[in-house]
Amino acid sequence: MAESEEELKSLLMKVKEESEKVGLKLNIQKTKIMATGPTTSWEIDAETVETVSDFIFGGSKITADGDCSHEIKRCLLLGSKVMTNLDSILKSRDITLPTKV
């Protein structure tokens, strides 16, 4: 994360340089950037870096416009899916109440 486009470019180049020192290569096809404001297209070693409007970071959906309604819906759907998967266990008469809790 960076405060400005120049700072982000500097950080990305630093990651690339430090990775190369230990024999790793930065895969530009897998590298993506997201900005909250207007961005210009980026190129590193004549390869264009993809710009995205949202991504999953630390299990949460981050969007360029800061809208969290998608994240709330995603969490509710995940919770609903888990409860659906647990339904047969919670309704089972073969499993005791202390085990369920």
PDB file of N, CA and C in Angstrom:
ATOM      1  N   MET A   1       0.848  -1.178   0.000  1.00  0.00           N
ATOM      2  CA  MET A   1       0.000   0.000   0.000  1.00  0.00           C
ATOM      3  C   MET A   1       0.888   1.233   0.000  1.00  0.00           C
ATOM      4  N   ALA A   2       0.419   2.246  -0.691  1.00  0.00           N
ATOM      5  CA  ALA A   2       1.209   3.467  -0.812  1.00  0.00           C
ATOM      6  C   ALA A   2       0.281   4.677  -0.855  1.00  0.00           C
ATOM      7  N   GLU A   3       0.837   5.822  -0.522  1.00  0.00           N
ATOM      8  CA  GLU A   3       0.078   7.075  -0.525  1.00  0.00           C
ATOM      9  C   GLU A   3      -0.027   7.690  -1.915  1.00  0.00           C
ATOM     10  N   SER A   4       0.944   7.415  -2.777  1.00  0.00           N
ATOM     11  CA  SER A   4       0.946   8.027  -4.105  1.00  0.00           C
ATOM     12  C   SER A   4       1.370   7.001  -5.153  1.00  0.00           C
ATOM     13  N   GLU A   5       1.117   7.350  -6.402  1.00  0.00           N
ATOM     14  CA  GLU A   5       1.483   6.474  -7.512  1.00  0.00           C
ATOM     15  C   GLU A   5       2.999   6.299  -7.587  1.00  0.00           C
ATOM     16  N   GLU A   6       3.725   7.382  -7.354  1.00  0.00           N
ATOM     17  CA  GLU A   6       5.195   7.319  -7.395  1.00  0.00           C
ATOM     18  C   GLU A   6       5.733   6.408  -6.293  1.00  0.00           C
ATOM     19  N   GLU A   7       5.137   6.509  -5.095  1.00  0.00           N
ATOM     20  CA  GLU A   7       5.571   5.669  -3.982  1.00  0.00           C
ATOM     21  C   GLU A   7       5.298   4.195  -4.281  1.00  0.00           C
ATOM     22  N   LEU A   8       4.155   3.915  -4.893  1.00  0.00           N
ATOM     23  CA  LEU A   8       3.821   2.535  -5.242  1.00  0.00           C
ATOM     24  C   LEU A   8       4.777   1.984  -6.294  1.00  0.00           C
ATOM     25  N   LYS A   9       5.091   2.798  -7.299  1.00  0.00           N
ATOM     26  CA  LYS A   9       6.057   2.365  -8.317  1.00  0.00           C
ATOM     27  C   LYS A   9       7.410   2.078  -7.680  1.00  0.00           C
ATOM     28  N   SER A  10       7.815   2.942  -6.753  1.00  0.00           N
ATOM     29  CA  SER A  10       9.091   2.752  -6.062  1.00  0.00           C
ATOM     30  C   SER A  10       9.084   1.456  -5.254  1.00  0.00           C
ATOM     31  N   LEU A  11       7.994   1.201  -4.524  1.00  0.00           N
ATOM     32  CA  LEU A  11       7.891  -0.026  -3.732  1.00  0.00           C
ATOM     33  C   LEU A  11       7.907  -1.271  -4.615  1.00  0.00           C
ATOM     34  N   LEU A  12       7.195  -1.204  -5.726  1.00  0.00           N
ATOM     35  CA  LEU A  12       7.147  -2.341  -6.644  1.00  0.00           C
ATOM     36  C   LEU A  12       8.519  -2.634  -7.244  1.00  0.00           C
ATOM     37  N   MET A  13       9.242  -1.595  -7.606  1.00  0.00           N
ATOM     38  CA  MET A  13      10.596  -1.780  -8.147  1.00  0.00           C
ATOM     39  C   MET A  13      11.529  -2.341  -7.074  1.00  0.00           C
ATOM     40  N   LYS A  14      11.352  -1.899  -5.822  1.00  0.00           N
ATOM     41  CA  LYS A  14      12.175  -2.403  -4.713  1.00  0.00           C
ATOM     42  C   LYS A  14      11.910  -3.901  -4.507  1.00  0.00           C
ATOM     43  N   VAL A  15      10.635  -4.298  -4.550  1.00  0.00           N
ATOM     44  CA  VAL A  15      10.289  -5.720  -4.420  1.00  0.00           C
ATOM     45  C   VAL A  15      10.931  -6.518  -5.545  1.00  0.00           C
ATOM     46  N   LYS A  16      10.850  -5.994  -6.755  1.00  0.00           N
ATOM     47  CA  LYS A  16      11.440  -6.663  -7.920  1.00  0.00           C
ATOM     48  C   LYS A  16      12.948  -6.822  -7.749  1.00  0.00           C
ATOM     49  N   GLU A  17      13.631  -5.742  -7.355  1.00  0.00           N
ATOM     50  CA  GLU A  17      15.088  -5.781  -7.193  1.00  0.00           C
ATOM     51  C   GLU A  17      15.505  -6.735  -6.080  1.00  0.00           C
ATOM     52  N   GLU A  18      14.830  -6.661  -4.926  1.00  0.00           N
ATOM     53  CA  GLU A  18      15.191  -7.524  -3.797  1.00  0.00           C
ATOM     54  C   GLU A  18      14.901  -8.988  -4.113  1.00  0.00           C
ATOM     55  N   SER A  19      13.831  -9.248  -4.856  1.00  0.00           N
ATOM     56  CA  SER A  19      13.506 -10.623  -5.250  1.00  0.00           C
ATOM     57  C   SER A  19      14.584 -11.196  -6.154  1.00  0.00           C
ATOM     58  N   GLU A  20      15.046 -10.386  -7.093  1.00  0.00           N
ATOM     59  CA  GLU A  20      16.080 -10.843  -8.024  1.00  0.00           C
ATOM     60  C   GLU A  20      17.391 -11.145  -7.305  1.00  0.00           C
ATOM     61  N   LYS A  21      17.665 -10.454  -6.203  1.00  0.00           N
ATOM     62  CA  LYS A  21      18.897 -10.696  -5.438  1.00  0.00           C
ATOM     63  C   LYS A  21      18.940 -12.115  -4.879  1.00  0.00           C
ATOM     64  N   VAL A  22      17.761 -12.687  -4.586  1.00  0.00           N
ATOM     65  CA  VAL A  22      17.722 -14.038  -4.025  1.00  0.00           C
ATOM     66  C   VAL A  22      17.242 -15.070  -5.049  1.00  0.00           C
ATOM     67  N   GLY A  23      17.247 -14.678  -6.323  1.00  0.00           N
ATOM     68  CA  GLY A  23      16.937 -15.612  -7.392  1.00  0.00           C
ATOM     69  C   GLY A  23      15.466 -15.755  -7.735  1.00  0.00           C
ATOM     70  N   LEU A  24      14.633 -14.838  -7.270  1.00  0.00           N
ATOM     71  CA  LEU A  24      13.209 -14.890  -7.591  1.00  0.00           C
ATOM     72  C   LEU A  24      12.879 -13.876  -8.674  1.00  0.00           C
ATOM     73  N   LYS A  25      11.813 -14.140  -9.410  1.00  0.00           N
ATOM     74  CA  LYS A  25      11.406 -13.235 -10.477  1.00  0.00           C
ATOM     75  C   LYS A  25       9.977 -12.782 -10.226  1.00  0.00           C
ATOM     76  N   LEU A  26       9.723 -11.488 -10.340  1.00  0.00           N
ATOM     77  CA  LEU A  26       8.382 -10.935 -10.183  1.00  0.00           C
ATOM     78  C   LEU A  26       7.562 -11.275 -11.423  1.00  0.00           C
ATOM     79  N   ASN A  27       6.437 -11.964 -11.226  1.00  0.00           N
ATOM     80  CA  ASN A  27       5.572 -12.359 -12.337  1.00  0.00           C
ATOM     81  C   ASN A  27       4.578 -11.227 -12.603  1.00  0.00           C
ATOM     82  N   ILE A  28       4.813 -10.452 -13.647  1.00  0.00           N
ATOM     83  CA  ILE A  28       3.982  -9.295 -13.961  1.00  0.00           C
ATOM     84  C   ILE A  28       2.566  -9.720 -14.341  1.00  0.00           C
ATOM     85  N   GLN A  29       2.398 -10.904 -14.953  1.00  0.00           N
ATOM     86  CA  GLN A  29       1.050 -11.367 -15.312  1.00  0.00           C
ATOM     87  C   GLN A  29       0.183 -11.593 -14.071  1.00  0.00           C
ATOM     88  N   LYS A  30       0.797 -11.900 -12.933  1.00  0.00           N
ATOM     89  CA  LYS A  30       0.047 -12.118 -11.697  1.00  0.00           C
ATOM     90  C   LYS A  30      -0.010 -10.861 -10.829  1.00  0.00           C
ATOM     91  N   THR A  31       0.707  -9.827 -11.210  1.00  0.00           N
ATOM     92  CA  THR A  31       0.751  -8.588 -10.434  1.00  0.00           C
ATOM     93  C   THR A  31      -0.388  -7.680 -10.865  1.00  0.00           C
ATOM     94  N   LYS A  32      -1.109  -7.140  -9.869  1.00  0.00           N
ATOM     95  CA  LYS A  32      -2.232  -6.255 -10.156  1.00  0.00           C
ATOM     96  C   LYS A  32      -2.150  -5.034  -9.245  1.00  0.00           C
ATOM     97  N   ILE A  33      -2.689  -3.903  -9.732  1.00  0.00           N
ATOM     98  CA  ILE A  33      -2.740  -2.699  -8.906  1.00  0.00           C
ATOM     99  C   ILE A  33      -4.182  -2.219  -8.818  1.00  0.00           C
ATOM    100  N   MET A  34      -4.483  -1.540  -7.702  1.00  0.00           N
ATOM    101  CA  MET A  34      -5.788  -0.924  -7.526  1.00  0.00           C
ATOM    102  C   MET A  34      -5.566   0.450  -6.920  1.00  0.00           C
ATOM    103  N   ALA A  35      -6.285   1.439  -7.429  1.00  0.00           N
ATOM    104  CA  ALA A  35      -6.159   2.798  -6.915  1.00  0.00           C
ATOM    105  C   ALA A  35      -7.540   3.366  -6.647  1.00  0.00           C
ATOM    106  N   THR A  36      -7.607   4.289  -5.693  1.00  0.00           N
ATOM    107  CA  THR A  36      -8.879   4.929  -5.381  1.00  0.00           C
ATOM    108  C   THR A  36      -9.147   6.118  -6.291  1.00  0.00           C
ATOM    109  N   GLY A  37      -8.150   6.534  -7.038  1.00  0.00           N
ATOM    110  CA  GLY A  37      -8.306   7.647  -7.968  1.00  0.00           C
ATOM    111  C   GLY A  37      -7.932   7.226  -9.368  1.00  0.00           C
ATOM    112  N   PRO A  38      -7.887   8.180 -10.289  1.00  0.00           N
ATOM    113  CA  PRO A  38      -7.511   7.838 -11.666  1.00  0.00           C
ATOM    114  C   PRO A  38      -6.059   7.355 -11.745  1.00  0.00           C
ATOM    115  N   THR A  39      -5.827   6.369 -12.590  1.00  0.00           N
ATOM    116  CA  THR A  39      -4.473   5.838 -12.757  1.00  0.00           C
ATOM    117  C   THR A  39      -4.108   5.804 -14.231  1.00  0.00           C
ATOM    118  N   THR A  40      -2.815   5.867 -14.464  1.00  0.00           N
ATOM    119  CA  THR A  40      -2.306   5.680 -15.815  1.00  0.00           C
ATOM    120  C   THR A  40      -1.887   4.226 -15.948  1.00  0.00           C
ATOM    121  N   SER A  41      -1.726   3.753 -17.157  1.00  0.00           N
ATOM    122  CA  SER A  41      -1.288   2.367 -17.316  1.00  0.00           C
ATOM    123  C   SER A  41       0.176   2.260 -16.897  1.00  0.00           C
ATOM    124  N   TRP A  42       0.494   1.167 -16.259  1.00  0.00           N
ATOM    125  CA  TRP A  42       1.843   0.929 -15.753  1.00  0.00           C
ATOM    126  C   TRP A  42       2.538  -0.105 -16.606  1.00  0.00           C
ATOM    127  N   GLU A  43       3.833   0.077 -16.781  1.00  0.00           N
ATOM    128  CA  GLU A  43       4.647  -0.925 -17.462  1.00  0.00           C
ATOM    129  C   GLU A  43       5.912  -1.162 -16.662  1.00  0.00           C
ATOM    130  N   ILE A  44       6.259  -2.427 -16.526  1.00  0.00           N
ATOM    131  CA  ILE A  44       7.513  -2.820 -15.886  1.00  0.00           C
ATOM    132  C   ILE A  44       8.185  -3.786 -16.839  1.00  0.00           C
ATOM    133  N   ASP A  45       9.396  -3.464 -17.240  1.00  0.00           N
ATOM    134  CA  ASP A  45      10.141  -4.283 -18.203  1.00  0.00           C
ATOM    135  C   ASP A  45       9.307  -4.538 -19.462  1.00  0.00           C
ATOM    136  N   ALA A  46       8.664  -3.509 -19.971  1.00  0.00           N
ATOM    137  CA  ALA A  46       7.852  -3.537 -21.195  1.00  0.00           C
ATOM    138  C   ALA A  46       6.617  -4.431 -21.080  1.00  0.00           C
ATOM    139  N   GLU A  47       6.207  -4.786 -19.861  1.00  0.00           N
ATOM    140  CA  GLU A  47       4.987  -5.557 -19.632  1.00  0.00           C
ATOM    141  C   GLU A  47       4.002  -4.680 -18.867  1.00  0.00           C
ATOM    142  N   THR A  48       2.748  -4.685 -19.294  1.00  0.00           N
ATOM    143  CA  THR A  48       1.726  -3.865 -18.652  1.00  0.00           C
ATOM    144  C   THR A  48       1.203  -4.550 -17.395  1.00  0.00           C
ATOM    145  N   VAL A  49       1.094  -3.773 -16.306  1.00  0.00           N
ATOM    146  CA  VAL A  49       0.552  -4.273 -15.047  1.00  0.00           C
ATOM    147  C   VAL A  49      -0.960  -4.048 -15.071  1.00  0.00           C
ATOM    148  N   GLU A  50      -1.722  -5.091 -14.759  1.00  0.00           N
ATOM    149  CA  GLU A  50      -3.184  -5.018 -14.799  1.00  0.00           C
ATOM    150  C   GLU A  50      -3.723  -4.151 -13.662  1.00  0.00           C
ATOM    151  N   THR A  51      -4.719  -3.313 -13.977  1.00  0.00           N
ATOM    152  CA  THR A  51      -5.403  -2.493 -12.977  1.00  0.00           C
ATOM    153  C   THR A  51      -6.757  -3.129 -12.685  1.00  0.00           C
ATOM    154  N   VAL A  52      -7.082  -3.305 -11.395  1.00  0.00           N
ATOM    155  CA  VAL A  52      -8.347  -3.925 -10.997  1.00  0.00           C
ATOM    156  C   VAL A  52      -9.174  -2.953 -10.156  1.00  0.00           C
ATOM    157  N   SER A  53     -10.477  -3.195 -10.082  1.00  0.00           N
ATOM    158  CA  SER A  53     -11.351  -2.329  -9.291  1.00  0.00           C
ATOM    159  C   SER A  53     -11.656  -2.923  -7.923  1.00  0.00           C
ATOM    160  N   ASP A  54     -11.358  -4.219  -7.723  1.00  0.00           N
ATOM    161  CA  ASP A  54     -11.542  -4.848  -6.413  1.00  0.00           C
ATOM    162  C   ASP A  54     -10.687  -6.107  -6.328  1.00  0.00           C
ATOM    163  N   PHE A  55     -10.439  -6.550  -5.084  1.00  0.00           N
ATOM    164  CA  PHE A  55      -9.708  -7.792  -4.860  1.00  0.00           C
ATOM    165  C   PHE A  55      -9.944  -8.262  -3.433  1.00  0.00           C
ATOM    166  N   ILE A  56      -9.620  -9.524  -3.168  1.00  0.00           N
ATOM    167  CA  ILE A  56      -9.747 -10.091  -1.833  1.00  0.00           C
ATOM    168  C   ILE A  56      -8.400  -9.950  -1.137  1.00  0.00           C
ATOM    169  N   PHE A  57      -8.397  -9.312   0.034  1.00  0.00           N
ATOM    170  CA  PHE A  57      -7.171  -9.107   0.801  1.00  0.00           C
ATOM    171  C   PHE A  57      -7.466  -9.479   2.245  1.00  0.00           C
ATOM    172  N   GLY A  58      -6.739 -10.452   2.760  1.00  0.00           N
ATOM    173  CA  GLY A  58      -6.950 -10.882   4.141  1.00  0.00           C
ATOM    174  C   GLY A  58      -8.351 -11.408   4.388  1.00  0.00           C
ATOM    175  N   GLY A  59      -8.957 -12.004   3.362  1.00  0.00           N
ATOM    176  CA  GLY A  59     -10.292 -12.564   3.498  1.00  0.00           C
ATOM    177  C   GLY A  59     -11.416 -11.566   3.310  1.00  0.00           C
ATOM    178  N   SER A  60     -11.100 -10.303   3.051  1.00  0.00           N
ATOM    179  CA  SER A  60     -12.126  -9.277   2.850  1.00  0.00           C
ATOM    180  C   SER A  60     -12.021  -8.685   1.455  1.00  0.00           C
ATOM    181  N   LYS A  61     -13.173  -8.354   0.885  1.00  0.00           N
ATOM    182  CA  LYS A  61     -13.189  -7.752  -0.448  1.00  0.00           C
ATOM    183  C   LYS A  61     -12.948  -6.250  -0.317  1.00  0.00           C
ATOM    184  N   ILE A  62     -11.909  -5.767  -0.982  1.00  0.00           N
ATOM    185  CA  ILE A  62     -11.556  -4.352  -0.990  1.00  0.00           C
ATOM    186  C   ILE A  62     -11.931  -3.802  -2.361  1.00  0.00           C
ATOM    187  N   THR A  63     -12.653  -2.671  -2.391  1.00  0.00           N
ATOM    188  CA  THR A  63     -13.036  -2.066  -3.664  1.00  0.00           C
ATOM    189  C   THR A  63     -12.420  -0.684  -3.788  1.00  0.00           C
ATOM    190  N   ALA A  64     -12.217  -0.256  -5.017  1.00  0.00           N
ATOM    191  CA  ALA A  64     -11.599   1.044  -5.273  1.00  0.00           C
ATOM    192  C   ALA A  64     -12.471   2.193  -4.776  1.00  0.00           C
ATOM    193  N   ASP A  65     -13.798   2.008  -4.802  1.00  0.00           N
ATOM    194  CA  ASP A  65     -14.683   3.084  -4.361  1.00  0.00           C
ATOM    195  C   ASP A  65     -15.012   3.025  -2.872  1.00  0.00           C
ATOM    196  N   GLY A  66     -14.487   2.034  -2.161  1.00  0.00           N
ATOM    197  CA  GLY A  66     -14.690   1.926  -0.718  1.00  0.00           C
ATOM    198  C   GLY A  66     -16.047   1.371  -0.320  1.00  0.00           C
ATOM    199  N   ASP A  67     -16.825   0.890  -1.275  1.00  0.00           N
ATOM    200  CA  ASP A  67     -18.152   0.345  -0.999  1.00  0.00           C
ATOM    201  C   ASP A  67     -18.003  -0.996  -0.293  1.00  0.00           C
ATOM    202  N   CYS A  68     -18.644  -1.143   0.870  1.00  0.00           N
ATOM    203  CA  CYS A  68     -18.514  -2.395   1.618  1.00  0.00           C
ATOM    204  C   CYS A  68     -19.771  -3.256   1.535  1.00  0.00           C
ATOM    205  N   SER A  69     -20.776  -2.841   0.772  1.00  0.00           N
ATOM    206  CA  SER A  69     -22.010  -3.626   0.688  1.00  0.00           C
ATOM    207  C   SER A  69     -21.751  -5.004   0.073  1.00  0.00           C
ATOM    208  N   HIS A  70     -20.832  -5.083  -0.883  1.00  0.00           N
ATOM    209  CA  HIS A  70     -20.489  -6.383  -1.481  1.00  0.00           C
ATOM    210  C   HIS A  70     -19.864  -7.299  -0.433  1.00  0.00           C
ATOM    211  N   GLU A  71     -19.032  -6.737   0.433  1.00  0.00           N
ATOM    212  CA  GLU A  71     -18.377  -7.528   1.474  1.00  0.00           C
ATOM    213  C   GLU A  71     -19.405  -8.039   2.482  1.00  0.00           C
ATOM    214  N   ILE A  72     -20.369  -7.202   2.839  1.00  0.00           N
ATOM    215  CA  ILE A  72     -21.416  -7.613   3.779  1.00  0.00           C
ATOM    216  C   ILE A  72     -22.228  -8.759   3.181  1.00  0.00           C
ATOM    217  N   LYS A  73     -22.630  -8.629   1.921  1.00  0.00           N
ATOM    218  CA  LYS A  73     -23.388  -9.691   1.252  1.00  0.00           C
ATOM    219  C   LYS A  73     -22.569 -10.971   1.164  1.00  0.00           C
ATOM    220  N   ARG A  74     -21.270 -10.835   0.870  1.00  0.00           N
ATOM    221  CA  ARG A  74     -20.392 -12.001   0.754  1.00  0.00           C
ATOM    222  C   ARG A  74     -20.300 -12.735   2.088  1.00  0.00           C
ATOM    223  N   CYS A  75     -20.157 -11.984   3.179  1.00  0.00           N
ATOM    224  CA  CYS A  75     -20.072 -12.601   4.509  1.00  0.00           C
ATOM    225  C   CYS A  75     -21.380 -13.292   4.881  1.00  0.00           C
ATOM    226  N   LEU A  76     -22.509 -12.655   4.579  1.00  0.00           N
ATOM    227  CA  LEU A  76     -23.807 -13.269   4.865  1.00  0.00           C
ATOM    228  C   LEU A  76     -23.995 -14.558   4.071  1.00  0.00           C
ATOM    229  N   LEU A  77     -23.582 -14.555   2.806  1.00  0.00           N
ATOM    230  CA  LEU A  77     -23.690 -15.767   1.990  1.00  0.00           C
ATOM    231  C   LEU A  77     -22.787 -16.878   2.513  1.00  0.00           C
ATOM    232  N   LEU A  78     -21.574 -16.515   2.945  1.00  0.00           N
ATOM    233  CA  LEU A  78     -20.664 -17.522   3.506  1.00  0.00           C
ATOM    234  C   LEU A  78     -21.249 -18.116   4.782  1.00  0.00           C
ATOM    235  N   GLY A  79     -21.810 -17.268   5.643  1.00  0.00           N
ATOM    236  CA  GLY A  79     -22.435 -17.745   6.878  1.00  0.00           C
ATOM    237  C   GLY A  79     -23.622 -18.644   6.595  1.00  0.00           C
ATOM    238  N   SER A  80     -24.425 -18.266   5.619  1.00  0.00           N
ATOM    239  CA  SER A  80     -25.584 -19.069   5.234  1.00  0.00           C
ATOM    240  C   SER A  80     -25.150 -20.436   4.706  1.00  0.00           C
ATOM    241  N   LYS A  81     -24.084 -20.446   3.924  1.00  0.00           N
ATOM    242  CA  LYS A  81     -23.573 -21.708   3.377  1.00  0.00           C
ATOM    243  C   LYS A  81     -23.080 -22.625   4.498  1.00  0.00           C
ATOM    244  N   VAL A  82     -22.386 -22.057   5.473  1.00  0.00           N
ATOM    245  CA  VAL A  82     -21.886 -22.849   6.603  1.00  0.00           C
ATOM    246  C   VAL A  82     -23.055 -23.425   7.396  1.00  0.00           C
ATOM    247  N   MET A  83     -24.073 -22.606   7.662  1.00  0.00           N
ATOM    248  CA  MET A  83     -25.229 -23.090   8.423  1.00  0.00           C
ATOM    249  C   MET A  83     -25.974 -24.182   7.656  1.00  0.00           C
ATOM    250  N   THR A  84     -26.059 -24.055   6.345  1.00  0.00           N
ATOM    251  CA  THR A  84     -26.694 -25.096   5.526  1.00  0.00           C
ATOM    252  C   THR A  84     -25.911 -26.400   5.636  1.00  0.00           C
ATOM    253  N   ASN A  85     -24.585 -26.300   5.626  1.00  0.00           N
ATOM    254  CA  ASN A  85     -23.745 -27.497   5.750  1.00  0.00           C
ATOM    255  C   ASN A  85     -23.867 -28.130   7.136  1.00  0.00           C
ATOM    256  N   LEU A  86     -24.119 -27.310   8.164  1.00  0.00           N
ATOM    257  CA  LEU A  86     -24.244 -27.828   9.530  1.00  0.00           C
ATOM    258  C   LEU A  86     -25.657 -28.308   9.849  1.00  0.00           C
ATOM    259  N   ASP A  87     -26.603 -28.030   8.987  1.00  0.00           N
ATOM    260  CA  ASP A  87     -28.011 -28.324   9.244  1.00  0.00           C
ATOM    261  C   ASP A  87     -28.243 -29.782   9.625  1.00  0.00           C
ATOM    262  N   SER A  88     -27.673 -30.697   8.874  1.00  0.00           N
ATOM    263  CA  SER A  88     -27.898 -32.123   9.163  1.00  0.00           C
ATOM    264  C   SER A  88     -27.300 -32.518  10.514  1.00  0.00           C
ATOM    265  N   ILE A  89     -26.199 -31.912  10.883  1.00  0.00           N
ATOM    266  CA  ILE A  89     -25.576 -32.215  12.180  1.00  0.00           C
ATOM    267  C   ILE A  89     -26.425 -31.655  13.312  1.00  0.00           C
ATOM    268  N   LEU A  90     -26.872 -30.413  13.164  1.00  0.00           N
ATOM    269  CA  LEU A  90     -27.650 -29.770  14.220  1.00  0.00           C
ATOM    270  C   LEU A  90     -29.011 -30.431  14.421  1.00  0.00           C
ATOM    271  N   LYS A  91     -29.592 -31.008  13.381  1.00  0.00           N
ATOM    272  CA  LYS A  91     -30.902 -31.662  13.480  1.00  0.00           C
ATOM    273  C   LYS A  91     -30.800 -33.147  13.817  1.00  0.00           C
ATOM    274  N   SER A  92     -29.594 -33.676  13.824  1.00  0.00           N
ATOM    275  CA  SER A  92     -29.403 -35.102  14.079  1.00  0.00           C
ATOM    276  C   SER A  92     -29.751 -35.449  15.527  1.00  0.00           C
ATOM    277  N   ARG A  93     -30.507 -36.524  15.701  1.00  0.00           N
ATOM    278  CA  ARG A  93     -30.847 -36.996  17.053  1.00  0.00           C
ATOM    279  C   ARG A  93     -29.763 -37.933  17.587  1.00  0.00           C
ATOM    280  N   ASP A  94     -28.836 -38.337  16.716  1.00  0.00           N
ATOM    281  CA  ASP A  94     -27.763 -39.245  17.126  1.00  0.00           C
ATOM    282  C   ASP A  94     -26.625 -38.510  17.827  1.00  0.00           C
ATOM    283  N   ILE A  95     -26.558 -37.195  17.672  1.00  0.00           N
ATOM    284  CA  ILE A  95     -25.490 -36.397  18.279  1.00  0.00           C
ATOM    285  C   ILE A  95     -26.070 -35.660  19.477  1.00  0.00           C
ATOM    286  N   THR A  96     -25.395 -35.773  20.624  1.00  0.00           N
ATOM    287  CA  THR A  96     -25.914 -35.163  21.852  1.00  0.00           C
ATOM    288  C   THR A  96     -25.776 -33.643  21.813  1.00  0.00           C
ATOM    289  N   LEU A  97     -26.605 -32.973  22.609  1.00  0.00           N
ATOM    290  CA  LEU A  97     -26.600 -31.510  22.664  1.00  0.00           C
ATOM    291  C   LEU A  97     -25.241 -30.951  23.094  1.00  0.00           C
ATOM    292  N   PRO A  98     -24.570 -31.512  24.127  1.00  0.00           N
ATOM    293  CA  PRO A  98     -23.249 -30.971  24.497  1.00  0.00           C
ATOM    294  C   PRO A  98     -22.226 -31.051  23.357  1.00  0.00           C
ATOM    295  N   THR A  99     -22.330 -32.088  22.529  1.00  0.00           N
ATOM    296  CA  THR A  99     -21.425 -32.214  21.387  1.00  0.00           C
ATOM    297  C   THR A  99     -21.727 -31.142  20.351  1.00  0.00           C
ATOM    298  N   LYS A 100     -22.992 -30.845  20.140  1.00  0.00           N
ATOM    299  CA  LYS A 100     -23.386 -29.830  19.163  1.00  0.00           C
ATOM    300  C   LYS A 100     -22.955 -28.436  19.587  1.00  0.00           C
ATOM    301  N   VAL A 101     -22.982 -28.176  20.874  1.00  0.00           N
ATOM    302  CA  VAL A 101     -22.634 -26.847  21.379  1.00  0.00           C
ATOM    303  C   VAL A 101     -21.144 -26.782  21.532  1.00  0.00           C
TER     304      VAL A 101
END
